[in-house]
Amino acid sequence: MLRSRGVSALIAAVVLSCAGTSCVPAWAQGAAPAGGNAGWFVPKTAQPAPAASAPRGPARTAPVPMPAAPADGDETQSQTPPVLPLPPVPPSPDIPRGVAPPVPVIGVISVPDVMRLSTAAQQAERVLGSRRDELARDAQKEQAGWRDEQQKLQAQAKNMASDQIQQRERHLQERVISAQRDFRNRNRIVQEAAQVSLGQIERELVQIIRQVASSRGMNLVLHREQVALSQDGLDITQQVADQLNKVLPTVFIPAANVDPEVLAKSGTMPTTADVERQQQEAPAPVVAPAAVAPAAAHH
C-alpha cells in the first residue's frame, strides 16, 4: 500500500520551492552578523591573574564557615524519590489467529524524477518562477527608491525646519510599511498559486501510482531514494511519468492578478466536481447512419 502522505511530503520538498531569496524581498531577510565568524563566538582562554606579593608574616588561621542550612528545594532534590506502588496490570487475553498478510511484491519510484519529467510541473515552475523573479525585481527597485529618498532628505535637512523633516520622515516610513505589506501579500499569492497547481499534480500522481502498481501486481511501493539496492525491473518511475503526462499534461494556475483565496471563496475555482459535471452535461456524439449500399443493377 502507498501512503499518500509520504508522497505529498516528498513532492512539496522538490517542486516549486522558492530558490534562494527570489521570492522573499531583501527587507524580509535577516542581516548576517558582521565579521567572518557568522555568529560564532570563541572566547579567549582565561588566564589566571598573577598573585600579588604579600609581606611575609605569621600565618593566620582562616575562620571555618558554618555550613548553611539547606533550602527546602535542595533538601527535596537530595532525597531519593519514593517508589510509588502501581495498580496491577490487567492480563491481555490471547488474540485469535488472523489472516496472514499477503506476500509483499515491492516496487520503487523516484517522485523527484517524476516531477522533473512532468510537463504540468514544468509549466507551473516556468509560470510561477517568472512571477517570483518579477516580485524580486520590484522589491529591489522599491528599495533603491527608499535609499534615494533617504539620501535626498539627509542632503536637504540643513535647509528645512524640524517639522518639515519629521513630516518627510513620516511619509517615507509610511511608504516603506505600505510597500512591505504589498510585497508580503504578493508573495503569499504566488505561494498559494503554487499550492493550487501542486495539489492537482499530487492528487493525480497518487492515483496513477496506485494504478501502475496494481497493473504490475505490486502491493508495496517504496521511495527509491530510501532503498539501498533495487533492480531496474522494480522501478516504475518512467511508467508513472508517462501516464501522468498523458492524463494531466497541464494544470490550472490562477492568474497573476488573482488572489487564490478570493477565487476559492467566490466559488469559481475549477474543481474535479466541475469537470465531472461538464463531462456529464456534454451531449452524446451523434453517430451518422451507415451509408446504404446501392442496389445492384439488374442485367
C-alpha atoms as a PDB file:
ATOM      1  CA  MET A   1       0.000   0.000   0.000  1.00  0.00           C
ATOM      2  CA  LEU A   2       1.206   3.503  -0.781  1.00  0.00           C
ATOM      3  CA  ARG A   3       0.778   6.263   1.737  1.00  0.00           C
ATOM      4  CA  SER A   4      -0.230   9.494   0.050  1.00  0.00           C
ATOM      5  CA  ARG A   5       1.170  11.493   2.954  1.00  0.00           C
ATOM      6  CA  GLY A   6       4.705  10.394   2.171  1.00  0.00           C
ATOM      7  CA  VAL A   7       4.230  11.294  -1.487  1.00  0.00           C
ATOM      8  CA  SER A   8       2.852  14.710  -0.537  1.00  0.00           C
ATOM      9  CA  ALA A   9       5.803  15.493   1.726  1.00  0.00           C
ATOM     10  CA  LEU A  10       8.366  14.441  -0.868  1.00  0.00           C
ATOM     11  CA  ILE A  11       6.633  16.292  -3.714  1.00  0.00           C
ATOM     12  CA  ALA A  12       6.490  19.501  -1.696  1.00  0.00           C
ATOM     13  CA  ALA A  13      10.236  19.252  -1.000  1.00  0.00           C
ATOM     14  CA  VAL A  14      11.274  19.059  -4.667  1.00  0.00           C
ATOM     15  CA  VAL A  15       8.730  21.110  -6.687  1.00  0.00           C
ATOM     16  CA  LEU A  16       8.015  24.842  -6.817  1.00  0.00           C
ATOM     17  CA  SER A  17      10.148  25.736  -3.827  1.00  0.00           C
ATOM     18  CA  CYS A  18      11.419  29.312  -3.603  1.00  0.00           C
ATOM     19  CA  ALA A  19      15.040  29.077  -4.610  1.00  0.00           C
ATOM     20  CA  GLY A  20      17.292  31.308  -2.510  1.00  0.00           C
ATOM     21  CA  THR A  21      15.810  34.752  -1.930  1.00  0.00           C
ATOM     22  CA  SER A  22      13.981  35.054  -5.222  1.00  0.00           C
ATOM     23  CA  CYS A  23      10.525  35.220  -3.635  1.00  0.00           C
ATOM     24  CA  VAL A  24      11.450  36.938  -0.353  1.00  0.00           C
ATOM     25  CA  PRO A  25      12.376  40.615  -0.621  1.00  0.00           C
ATOM     26  CA  ALA A  26      15.633  41.721   0.912  1.00  0.00           C
ATOM     27  CA  TRP A  27      13.841  43.703   3.583  1.00  0.00           C
ATOM     28  CA  ALA A  28      12.320  40.482   4.949  1.00  0.00           C
ATOM     29  CA  GLN A  29      15.656  38.744   5.337  1.00  0.00           C
ATOM     30  CA  GLY A  30      17.733  38.872   8.469  1.00  0.00           C
ATOM     31  CA  ALA A  31      21.070  40.667   8.179  1.00  0.00           C
ATOM     32  CA  ALA A  32      24.118  38.458   8.525  1.00  0.00           C
ATOM     33  CA  PRO A  33      26.326  39.245  11.509  1.00  0.00           C
ATOM     34  CA  ALA A  34      29.377  41.359  10.795  1.00  0.00           C
ATOM     35  CA  GLY A  35      32.729  39.659  10.684  1.00  0.00           C
ATOM     36  CA  GLY A  36      33.837  36.350   9.312  1.00  0.00           C
ATOM     37  CA  ASN A  37      32.603  34.108  12.113  1.00  0.00           C
ATOM     38  CA  ALA A  38      28.945  34.377  11.019  1.00  0.00           C
ATOM     39  CA  GLY A  39      27.594  34.249  14.522  1.00  0.00           C
ATOM     40  CA  TRP A  40      30.310  32.077  16.075  1.00  0.00           C
ATOM     41  CA  PHE A  41      31.975  33.495  19.200  1.00  0.00           C
ATOM     42  CA  VAL A  42      35.140  31.897  20.508  1.00  0.00           C
ATOM     43  CA  PRO A  43      36.134  33.327  23.897  1.00  0.00           C
ATOM     44  CA  LYS A  44      39.799  33.684  24.775  1.00  0.00           C
ATOM     45  CA  THR A  45      41.249  31.350  27.340  1.00  0.00           C
ATOM     46  CA  ALA A  46      41.040  32.954  30.701  1.00  0.00           C
ATOM     47  CA  GLN A  47      44.491  33.411  32.169  1.00  0.00           C
ATOM     48  CA  PRO A  48      44.903  33.395  35.965  1.00  0.00           C
ATOM     49  CA  ALA A  49      45.838  36.794  37.299  1.00  0.00           C
ATOM     50  CA  PRO A  50      49.325  36.909  38.893  1.00  0.00           C
ATOM     51  CA  ALA A  51      49.187  36.727  42.637  1.00  0.00           C
ATOM     52  CA  ALA A  52      50.247  39.905  44.329  1.00  0.00           C
ATOM     53  CA  SER A  53      53.280  39.555  46.501  1.00  0.00           C
ATOM     54  CA  ALA A  54      52.301  39.896  50.152  1.00  0.00           C
ATOM     55  CA  PRO A  55      54.652  40.596  53.061  1.00  0.00           C
ATOM     56  CA  ARG A  56      55.632  37.552  54.931  1.00  0.00           C
ATOM     57  CA  GLY A  57      54.368  37.284  58.428  1.00  0.00           C
ATOM     58  CA  PRO A  58      52.816  34.865  60.853  1.00  0.00           C
ATOM     59  CA  ALA A  59      50.256  32.670  59.252  1.00  0.00           C
ATOM     60  CA  ARG A  60      46.703  33.308  60.344  1.00  0.00           C
ATOM     61  CA  THR A  61      44.114  30.618  60.501  1.00  0.00           C
ATOM     62  CA  ALA A  62      41.099  31.461  58.388  1.00  0.00           C
ATOM     63  CA  PRO A  63      37.787  31.055  60.189  1.00  0.00           C
ATOM     64  CA  VAL A  64      35.895  27.931  59.196  1.00  0.00           C
ATOM     65  CA  PRO A  65      32.449  28.927  57.855  1.00  0.00           C
ATOM     66  CA  MET A  66      29.460  27.128  59.256  1.00  0.00           C
ATOM     67  CA  PRO A  67      27.549  25.029  56.720  1.00  0.00           C
ATOM     68  CA  ALA A  68      24.441  26.780  55.550  1.00  0.00           C
ATOM     69  CA  ALA A  69      21.133  25.154  56.216  1.00  0.00           C
ATOM     70  CA  PRO A  70      19.840  23.515  53.059  1.00  0.00           C
ATOM     71  CA  ALA A  71      16.874  25.187  51.437  1.00  0.00           C
ATOM     72  CA  ASP A  72      13.638  23.339  51.010  1.00  0.00           C
ATOM     73  CA  GLY A  73      14.275  22.791  47.301  1.00  0.00           C
ATOM     74  CA  ASP A  74      17.839  21.479  47.865  1.00  0.00           C
ATOM     75  CA  GLU A  75      16.658  19.117  50.567  1.00  0.00           C
ATOM     76  CA  THR A  76      13.946  17.766  48.291  1.00  0.00           C
ATOM     77  CA  GLN A  77      16.358  17.214  45.395  1.00  0.00           C
ATOM     78  CA  SER A  78      18.916  15.450  47.586  1.00  0.00           C
ATOM     79  CA  GLN A  79      16.409  12.867  48.705  1.00  0.00           C
ATOM     80  CA  THR A  80      15.738   9.779  46.613  1.00  0.00           C
ATOM     81  CA  PRO A  81      12.222   9.900  45.157  1.00  0.00           C
ATOM     82  CA  PRO A  82       9.985   7.291  46.697  1.00  0.00           C
ATOM     83  CA  VAL A  83       8.916   4.261  44.725  1.00  0.00           C
ATOM     84  CA  LEU A  84       5.163   4.571  44.408  1.00  0.00           C
ATOM     85  CA  PRO A  85       3.069   1.432  44.025  1.00  0.00           C
ATOM     86  CA  LEU A  86       1.209   0.989  40.742  1.00  0.00           C
ATOM     87  CA  PRO A  87      -2.104  -0.769  40.243  1.00  0.00           C
ATOM     88  CA  PRO A  88      -1.897  -4.255  38.805  1.00  0.00           C
ATOM     89  CA  VAL A  89      -1.755  -4.526  35.022  1.00  0.00           C
ATOM     90  CA  PRO A  90      -4.790  -6.380  33.664  1.00  0.00           C
ATOM     91  CA  PRO A  91      -3.867  -9.515  31.751  1.00  0.00           C
ATOM     92  CA  SER A  92      -4.283  -9.316  27.989  1.00  0.00           C
ATOM     93  CA  PRO A  93      -6.282 -12.189  26.522  1.00  0.00           C
ATOM     94  CA  ASP A  94      -4.871 -14.180  23.662  1.00  0.00           C
ATOM     95  CA  ILE A  95      -5.709 -12.863  20.205  1.00  0.00           C
ATOM     96  CA  PRO A  96      -7.162 -15.427  17.845  1.00  0.00           C
ATOM     97  CA  ARG A  97      -5.122 -16.235  14.813  1.00  0.00           C
ATOM     98  CA  GLY A  98      -5.976 -13.983  11.898  1.00  0.00           C
ATOM     99  CA  VAL A  99      -5.366 -13.939   8.202  1.00  0.00           C
ATOM    100  CA  ALA A 100      -1.723 -13.704   7.241  1.00  0.00           C
ATOM    101  CA  PRO A 101      -0.762 -10.598   5.224  1.00  0.00           C
ATOM    102  CA  PRO A 102      -0.096 -11.070   1.525  1.00  0.00           C
ATOM    103  CA  VAL A 103       3.384 -11.743   0.287  1.00  0.00           C
ATOM    104  CA  PRO A 104       4.935  -8.354  -0.463  1.00  0.00           C
ATOM    105  CA  VAL A 105       5.560  -7.546  -4.099  1.00  0.00           C
ATOM    106  CA  ILE A 106       7.778  -4.487  -3.917  1.00  0.00           C
ATOM    107  CA  GLY A 107       8.284  -1.663  -6.388  1.00  0.00           C
ATOM    108  CA  VAL A 108      10.281   1.550  -6.184  1.00  0.00           C
ATOM    109  CA  ILE A 109       9.674   5.039  -7.519  1.00  0.00           C
ATOM    110  CA  SER A 110      11.526   8.350  -7.565  1.00  0.00           C
ATOM    111  CA  VAL A 111       8.993  11.122  -7.122  1.00  0.00           C
ATOM    112  CA  PRO A 112      11.565  13.879  -7.810  1.00  0.00           C
ATOM    113  CA  ASP A 113      12.322  12.280 -11.187  1.00  0.00           C
ATOM    114  CA  VAL A 114       8.617  12.025 -11.941  1.00  0.00           C
ATOM    115  CA  MET A 115       8.182  15.728 -11.232  1.00  0.00           C
ATOM    116  CA  ARG A 116      11.147  16.606 -13.435  1.00  0.00           C
ATOM    117  CA  LEU A 117       9.594  14.628 -16.275  1.00  0.00           C
ATOM    118  CA  SER A 118       6.095  16.019 -15.693  1.00  0.00           C
ATOM    119  CA  THR A 119       5.021  18.604 -18.262  1.00  0.00           C
ATOM    120  CA  ALA A 120       2.485  20.008 -15.797  1.00  0.00           C
ATOM    121  CA  ALA A 121       5.170  20.534 -13.150  1.00  0.00           C
ATOM    122  CA  GLN A 122       7.429  22.167 -15.749  1.00  0.00           C
ATOM    123  CA  GLN A 123       4.586  24.507 -16.720  1.00  0.00           C
ATOM    124  CA  ALA A 124       3.936  25.502 -13.100  1.00  0.00           C
ATOM    125  CA  GLU A 125       7.623  26.071 -12.394  1.00  0.00           C
ATOM    126  CA  ARG A 126       8.017  28.199 -15.526  1.00  0.00           C
ATOM    127  CA  VAL A 127       4.986  30.399 -14.823  1.00  0.00           C
ATOM    128  CA  LEU A 128       5.472  30.757 -11.075  1.00  0.00           C
ATOM    129  CA  GLY A 129       9.230  31.172 -11.376  1.00  0.00           C
ATOM    130  CA  SER A 130       8.643  34.141 -13.670  1.00  0.00           C
ATOM    131  CA  ARG A 131       6.312  35.671 -11.075  1.00  0.00           C
ATOM    132  CA  ARG A 132       8.899  35.199  -8.317  1.00  0.00           C
ATOM    133  CA  ASP A 133      11.569  36.882 -10.427  1.00  0.00           C
ATOM    134  CA  GLU A 134       9.243  39.814 -11.142  1.00  0.00           C
ATOM    135  CA  LEU A 135       8.493  40.168  -7.441  1.00  0.00           C
ATOM    136  CA  ALA A 136      12.216  40.196  -6.616  1.00  0.00           C
ATOM    137  CA  ARG A 137      12.893  42.870  -9.243  1.00  0.00           C
ATOM    138  CA  ASP A 138      10.077  45.065  -7.948  1.00  0.00           C
ATOM    139  CA  ALA A 139      11.357  44.702  -4.386  1.00  0.00           C
ATOM    140  CA  GLN A 140      14.880  45.733  -5.388  1.00  0.00           C
ATOM    141  CA  LYS A 141      13.543  48.700  -7.355  1.00  0.00           C
ATOM    142  CA  GLU A 142      11.453  49.860  -4.407  1.00  0.00           C
ATOM    143  CA  GLN A 143      14.416  49.538  -2.042  1.00  0.00           C
ATOM    144  CA  ALA A 144      16.503  51.697  -4.365  1.00  0.00           C
ATOM    145  CA  GLY A 145      13.747  54.329  -4.220  1.00  0.00           C
ATOM    146  CA  TRP A 146      13.833  54.255  -0.424  1.00  0.00           C
ATOM    147  CA  ARG A 147      17.581  54.837  -0.381  1.00  0.00           C
ATOM    148  CA  ASP A 148      17.345  57.720  -2.860  1.00  0.00           C
ATOM    149  CA  GLU A 149      14.597  59.382  -0.849  1.00  0.00           C
ATOM    150  CA  GLN A 150      16.573  58.989   2.352  1.00  0.00           C
ATOM    151  CA  GLN A 151      19.700  60.487   0.776  1.00  0.00           C
ATOM    152  CA  LYS A 152      17.714  63.452  -0.548  1.00  0.00           C
ATOM    153  CA  LEU A 153      16.246  64.034   2.879  1.00  0.00           C
ATOM    154  CA  GLN A 154      19.674  63.988   4.502  1.00  0.00           C
ATOM    155  CA  ALA A 155      21.044  66.442   1.940  1.00  0.00           C
ATOM    156  CA  GLN A 156      18.119  68.859   2.329  1.00  0.00           C
ATOM    157  CA  ALA A 157      17.759  68.574   6.098  1.00  0.00           C
ATOM    158  CA  LYS A 158      20.038  71.551   6.849  1.00  0.00           C
ATOM    159  CA  ASN A 159      17.753  73.861   4.866  1.00  0.00           C
ATOM    160  CA  MET A 160      14.480  72.533   6.309  1.00  0.00           C
ATOM    161  CA  ALA A 161      12.623  73.140   9.504  1.00  0.00           C
ATOM    162  CA  SER A 162      12.335  70.384  12.065  1.00  0.00           C
ATOM    163  CA  ASP A 163       8.613  69.878  11.463  1.00  0.00           C
ATOM    164  CA  GLN A 164       9.250  69.528   7.719  1.00  0.00           C
ATOM    165  CA  ILE A 165      11.949  66.942   8.354  1.00  0.00           C
ATOM    166  CA  GLN A 166       9.625  64.963  10.609  1.00  0.00           C
ATOM    167  CA  GLN A 167       6.864  65.094   8.007  1.00  0.00           C
ATOM    168  CA  ARG A 168       9.187  63.828   5.245  1.00  0.00           C
ATOM    169  CA  GLU A 169      10.470  61.058   7.505  1.00  0.00           C
ATOM    170  CA  ARG A 170       6.915  60.061   8.387  1.00  0.00           C
ATOM    171  CA  HIS A 171       5.943  59.891   4.699  1.00  0.00           C
ATOM    172  CA  LEU A 172       8.986  57.762   3.922  1.00  0.00           C
ATOM    173  CA  GLN A 173       8.181  55.424   6.796  1.00  0.00           C
ATOM    174  CA  GLU A 174       4.583  55.069   5.626  1.00  0.00           C
ATOM    175  CA  ARG A 175       5.820  54.306   2.115  1.00  0.00           C
ATOM    176  CA  VAL A 176       8.145  51.599   3.406  1.00  0.00           C
ATOM    177  CA  ILE A 177       5.433  49.989   5.538  1.00  0.00           C
ATOM    178  CA  SER A 178       2.934  50.050   2.666  1.00  0.00           C
ATOM    179  CA  ALA A 179       5.433  48.522   0.241  1.00  0.00           C
ATOM    180  CA  GLN A 180       6.377  45.797   2.708  1.00  0.00           C
ATOM    181  CA  ARG A 181       2.718  44.914   3.163  1.00  0.00           C
ATOM    182  CA  ASP A 182       2.231  44.792  -0.601  1.00  0.00           C
ATOM    183  CA  PHE A 183       5.283  42.572  -1.163  1.00  0.00           C
ATOM    184  CA  ARG A 184       4.199  40.162   1.560  1.00  0.00           C
ATOM    185  CA  ASN A 185       0.749  39.919   0.005  1.00  0.00           C
ATOM    186  CA  ARG A 186       2.159  39.341  -3.474  1.00  0.00           C
ATOM    187  CA  ASN A 187       4.497  36.665  -2.149  1.00  0.00           C
ATOM    188  CA  ARG A 188       1.558  34.950  -0.440  1.00  0.00           C
ATOM    189  CA  ILE A 189      -0.399  34.959  -3.702  1.00  0.00           C
ATOM    190  CA  VAL A 190       2.497  33.337  -5.550  1.00  0.00           C
ATOM    191  CA  GLN A 191       2.869  30.673  -2.866  1.00  0.00           C
ATOM    192  CA  GLU A 192      -0.846  29.893  -2.836  1.00  0.00           C
ATOM    193  CA  ALA A 193      -0.912  29.671  -6.630  1.00  0.00           C
ATOM    194  CA  ALA A 194       1.915  27.144  -6.355  1.00  0.00           C
ATOM    195  CA  GLN A 195      -0.138  25.161  -3.840  1.00  0.00           C
ATOM    196  CA  VAL A 196      -3.099  25.122  -6.216  1.00  0.00           C
ATOM    197  CA  SER A 197      -1.037  23.769  -9.105  1.00  0.00           C
ATOM    198  CA  LEU A 198       0.899  21.378  -6.892  1.00  0.00           C
ATOM    199  CA  GLY A 199      -2.287  19.972  -5.378  1.00  0.00           C
ATOM    200  CA  GLN A 200      -3.577  18.975  -8.801  1.00  0.00           C
ATOM    201  CA  ILE A 201      -0.370  17.099  -9.632  1.00  0.00           C
ATOM    202  CA  GLU A 202      -0.242  15.488  -6.217  1.00  0.00           C
ATOM    203  CA  ARG A 203      -3.771  14.064  -6.329  1.00  0.00           C
ATOM    204  CA  GLU A 204      -3.326  12.685  -9.826  1.00  0.00           C
ATOM    205  CA  LEU A 205       0.103  11.266  -9.036  1.00  0.00           C
ATOM    206  CA  VAL A 206      -1.146   9.292  -6.048  1.00  0.00           C
ATOM    207  CA  GLN A 207      -3.916   7.767  -8.164  1.00  0.00           C
ATOM    208  CA  ILE A 208      -1.566   6.895 -11.023  1.00  0.00           C
ATOM    209  CA  ILE A 209       0.967   5.252  -8.718  1.00  0.00           C
ATOM    210  CA  ARG A 210      -1.774   3.011  -7.370  1.00  0.00           C
ATOM    211  CA  GLN A 211      -2.904   2.110 -10.890  1.00  0.00           C
ATOM    212  CA  VAL A 212       0.592   1.365 -12.183  1.00  0.00           C
ATOM    213  CA  ALA A 213       1.477  -0.679  -9.113  1.00  0.00           C
ATOM    214  CA  SER A 214      -1.771  -2.652  -9.381  1.00  0.00           C
ATOM    215  CA  SER A 215      -1.192  -3.316 -13.082  1.00  0.00           C
ATOM    216  CA  ARG A 216       2.153  -4.870 -12.261  1.00  0.00           C
ATOM    217  CA  GLY A 217       0.927  -6.833  -9.242  1.00  0.00           C
ATOM    218  CA  MET A 218       2.791  -4.670  -6.698  1.00  0.00           C
ATOM    219  CA  ASN A 219       1.325  -4.169  -3.264  1.00  0.00           C
ATOM    220  CA  LEU A 220       4.184  -2.152  -1.727  1.00  0.00           C
ATOM    221  CA  VAL A 221       5.914   0.837  -3.361  1.00  0.00           C
ATOM    222  CA  LEU A 222       8.923   2.471  -1.709  1.00  0.00           C
ATOM    223  CA  HIS A 223      10.758   5.680  -2.465  1.00  0.00           C
ATOM    224  CA  ARG A 224      13.839   4.835  -4.485  1.00  0.00           C
ATOM    225  CA  GLU A 225      15.904   7.353  -2.509  1.00  0.00           C
ATOM    226  CA  GLN A 226      15.292   5.301   0.633  1.00  0.00           C
ATOM    227  CA  VAL A 227      16.319   1.960  -0.885  1.00  0.00           C
ATOM    228  CA  ALA A 228      19.950   0.916  -0.896  1.00  0.00           C
ATOM    229  CA  LEU A 229      19.635  -1.538  -3.785  1.00  0.00           C
ATOM    230  CA  SER A 230      16.957  -2.329  -6.355  1.00  0.00           C
ATOM    231  CA  GLN A 231      16.757  -3.744  -9.843  1.00  0.00           C
ATOM    232  CA  ASP A 232      15.553  -1.867 -12.895  1.00  0.00           C
ATOM    233  CA  GLY A 233      12.529  -4.124 -13.233  1.00  0.00           C
ATOM    234  CA  LEU A 234      11.182  -2.878  -9.894  1.00  0.00           C
ATOM    235  CA  ASP A 235      11.335   0.824 -10.863  1.00  0.00           C
ATOM    236  CA  ILE A 236       8.040   2.298 -12.071  1.00  0.00           C
ATOM    237  CA  THR A 237       9.239   5.922 -12.312  1.00  0.00           C
ATOM    238  CA  GLN A 238       9.188   6.222 -16.088  1.00  0.00           C
ATOM    239  CA  GLN A 239       5.845   4.448 -16.456  1.00  0.00           C
ATOM    240  CA  VAL A 240       4.244   6.715 -13.864  1.00  0.00           C
ATOM    241  CA  ALA A 241       5.692   9.836 -15.508  1.00  0.00           C
ATOM    242  CA  ASP A 242       4.408   8.804 -18.937  1.00  0.00           C
ATOM    243  CA  GLN A 243       0.931   8.151 -17.586  1.00  0.00           C
ATOM    244  CA  LEU A 244       0.943  11.444 -15.666  1.00  0.00           C
ATOM    245  CA  ASN A 245       1.823  13.402 -18.805  1.00  0.00           C
ATOM    246  CA  LYS A 246      -0.908  11.593 -20.682  1.00  0.00           C
ATOM    247  CA  VAL A 247      -3.631  12.226 -18.100  1.00  0.00           C
ATOM    248  CA  LEU A 248      -2.504  15.641 -16.795  1.00  0.00           C
ATOM    249  CA  PRO A 249      -0.344  17.449 -19.356  1.00  0.00           C
ATOM    250  CA  THR A 250      -1.194  20.883 -17.882  1.00  0.00           C
ATOM    251  CA  VAL A 251      -2.624  22.286 -14.658  1.00  0.00           C
ATOM    252  CA  PHE A 252      -4.825  25.228 -13.766  1.00  0.00           C
ATOM    253  CA  ILE A 253      -2.780  28.140 -12.387  1.00  0.00           C
ATOM    254  CA  PRO A 254      -4.606  31.230 -11.049  1.00  0.00           C
ATOM    255  CA  ALA A 255      -3.824  34.412 -12.947  1.00  0.00           C
ATOM    256  CA  ALA A 256      -1.091  36.680 -11.621  1.00  0.00           C
ATOM    257  CA  ASN A 257      -3.560  39.402 -10.607  1.00  0.00           C
ATOM    258  CA  VAL A 258      -5.994  36.980  -8.926  1.00  0.00           C
ATOM    259  CA  ASP A 259      -5.858  36.128  -5.226  1.00  0.00           C
ATOM    260  CA  PRO A 260      -6.363  32.343  -4.844  1.00  0.00           C
ATOM    261  CA  GLU A 261      -8.187  32.855  -1.545  1.00  0.00           C
ATOM    262  CA  VAL A 262     -10.652  35.267  -3.133  1.00  0.00           C
ATOM    263  CA  LEU A 263     -11.044  32.920  -6.079  1.00  0.00           C
ATOM    264  CA  ALA A 264     -11.797  29.987  -3.784  1.00  0.00           C
ATOM    265  CA  LYS A 265     -14.351  31.959  -1.757  1.00  0.00           C
ATOM    266  CA  SER A 266     -16.102  33.117  -4.916  1.00  0.00           C
ATOM    267  CA  GLY A 267     -16.814  29.526  -5.917  1.00  0.00           C
ATOM    268  CA  THR A 268     -15.343  29.983  -9.396  1.00  0.00           C
ATOM    269  CA  MET A 269     -12.225  27.906  -8.747  1.00  0.00           C
ATOM    270  CA  PRO A 270     -12.367  24.927 -11.133  1.00  0.00           C
ATOM    271  CA  THR A 271     -12.614  21.668  -9.229  1.00  0.00           C
ATOM    272  CA  THR A 272     -12.836  17.991 -10.011  1.00  0.00           C
ATOM    273  CA  ALA A 273     -16.600  18.142  -9.493  1.00  0.00           C
ATOM    274  CA  ASP A 274     -16.878  20.837 -12.157  1.00  0.00           C
ATOM    275  CA  VAL A 275     -15.006  18.729 -14.672  1.00  0.00           C
ATOM    276  CA  GLU A 276     -17.173  15.686 -13.947  1.00  0.00           C
ATOM    277  CA  ARG A 277     -20.342  17.769 -14.304  1.00  0.00           C
ATOM    278  CA  GLN A 278     -19.175  19.146 -17.640  1.00  0.00           C
ATOM    279  CA  GLN A 279     -18.490  15.649 -18.873  1.00  0.00           C
ATOM    280  CA  GLN A 280     -21.958  14.500 -17.801  1.00  0.00           C
ATOM    281  CA  GLU A 281     -23.678  17.531 -19.392  1.00  0.00           C
ATOM    282  CA  ALA A 282     -21.760  17.203 -22.645  1.00  0.00           C
ATOM    283  CA  PRO A 283     -24.100  15.967 -25.408  1.00  0.00           C
ATOM    284  CA  ALA A 284     -23.549  12.477 -26.667  1.00  0.00           C
ATOM    285  CA  PRO A 285     -21.791  12.334 -30.014  1.00  0.00           C
ATOM    286  CA  VAL A 286     -24.140  11.915 -32.937  1.00  0.00           C
ATOM    287  CA  VAL A 287     -23.364   8.799 -34.908  1.00  0.00           C
ATOM    288  CA  ALA A 288     -24.077   9.171 -38.596  1.00  0.00           C
ATOM    289  CA  PRO A 289     -26.174   6.383 -40.097  1.00  0.00           C
ATOM    290  CA  ALA A 290     -24.263   3.892 -42.138  1.00  0.00           C
ATOM    291  CA  ALA A 291     -24.390   4.519 -45.828  1.00  0.00           C
ATOM    292  CA  VAL A 292     -26.718   2.162 -47.633  1.00  0.00           C
ATOM    293  CA  ALA A 293     -25.025   0.385 -50.453  1.00  0.00           C
ATOM    294  CA  PRO A 294     -26.782   0.984 -53.791  1.00  0.00           C
ATOM    295  CA  ALA A 295     -28.802  -1.879 -55.081  1.00  0.00           C
ATOM    296  CA  ALA A 296     -27.080  -3.991 -57.645  1.00  0.00           C
ATOM    297  CA  ALA A 297     -28.121  -3.153 -61.192  1.00  0.00           C
ATOM    298  CA  HIS A 298     -30.201  -5.799 -62.944  1.00  0.00           C
ATOM    299  CA  HIS A 299     -28.692  -7.080 -66.118  1.00  0.00           C
END
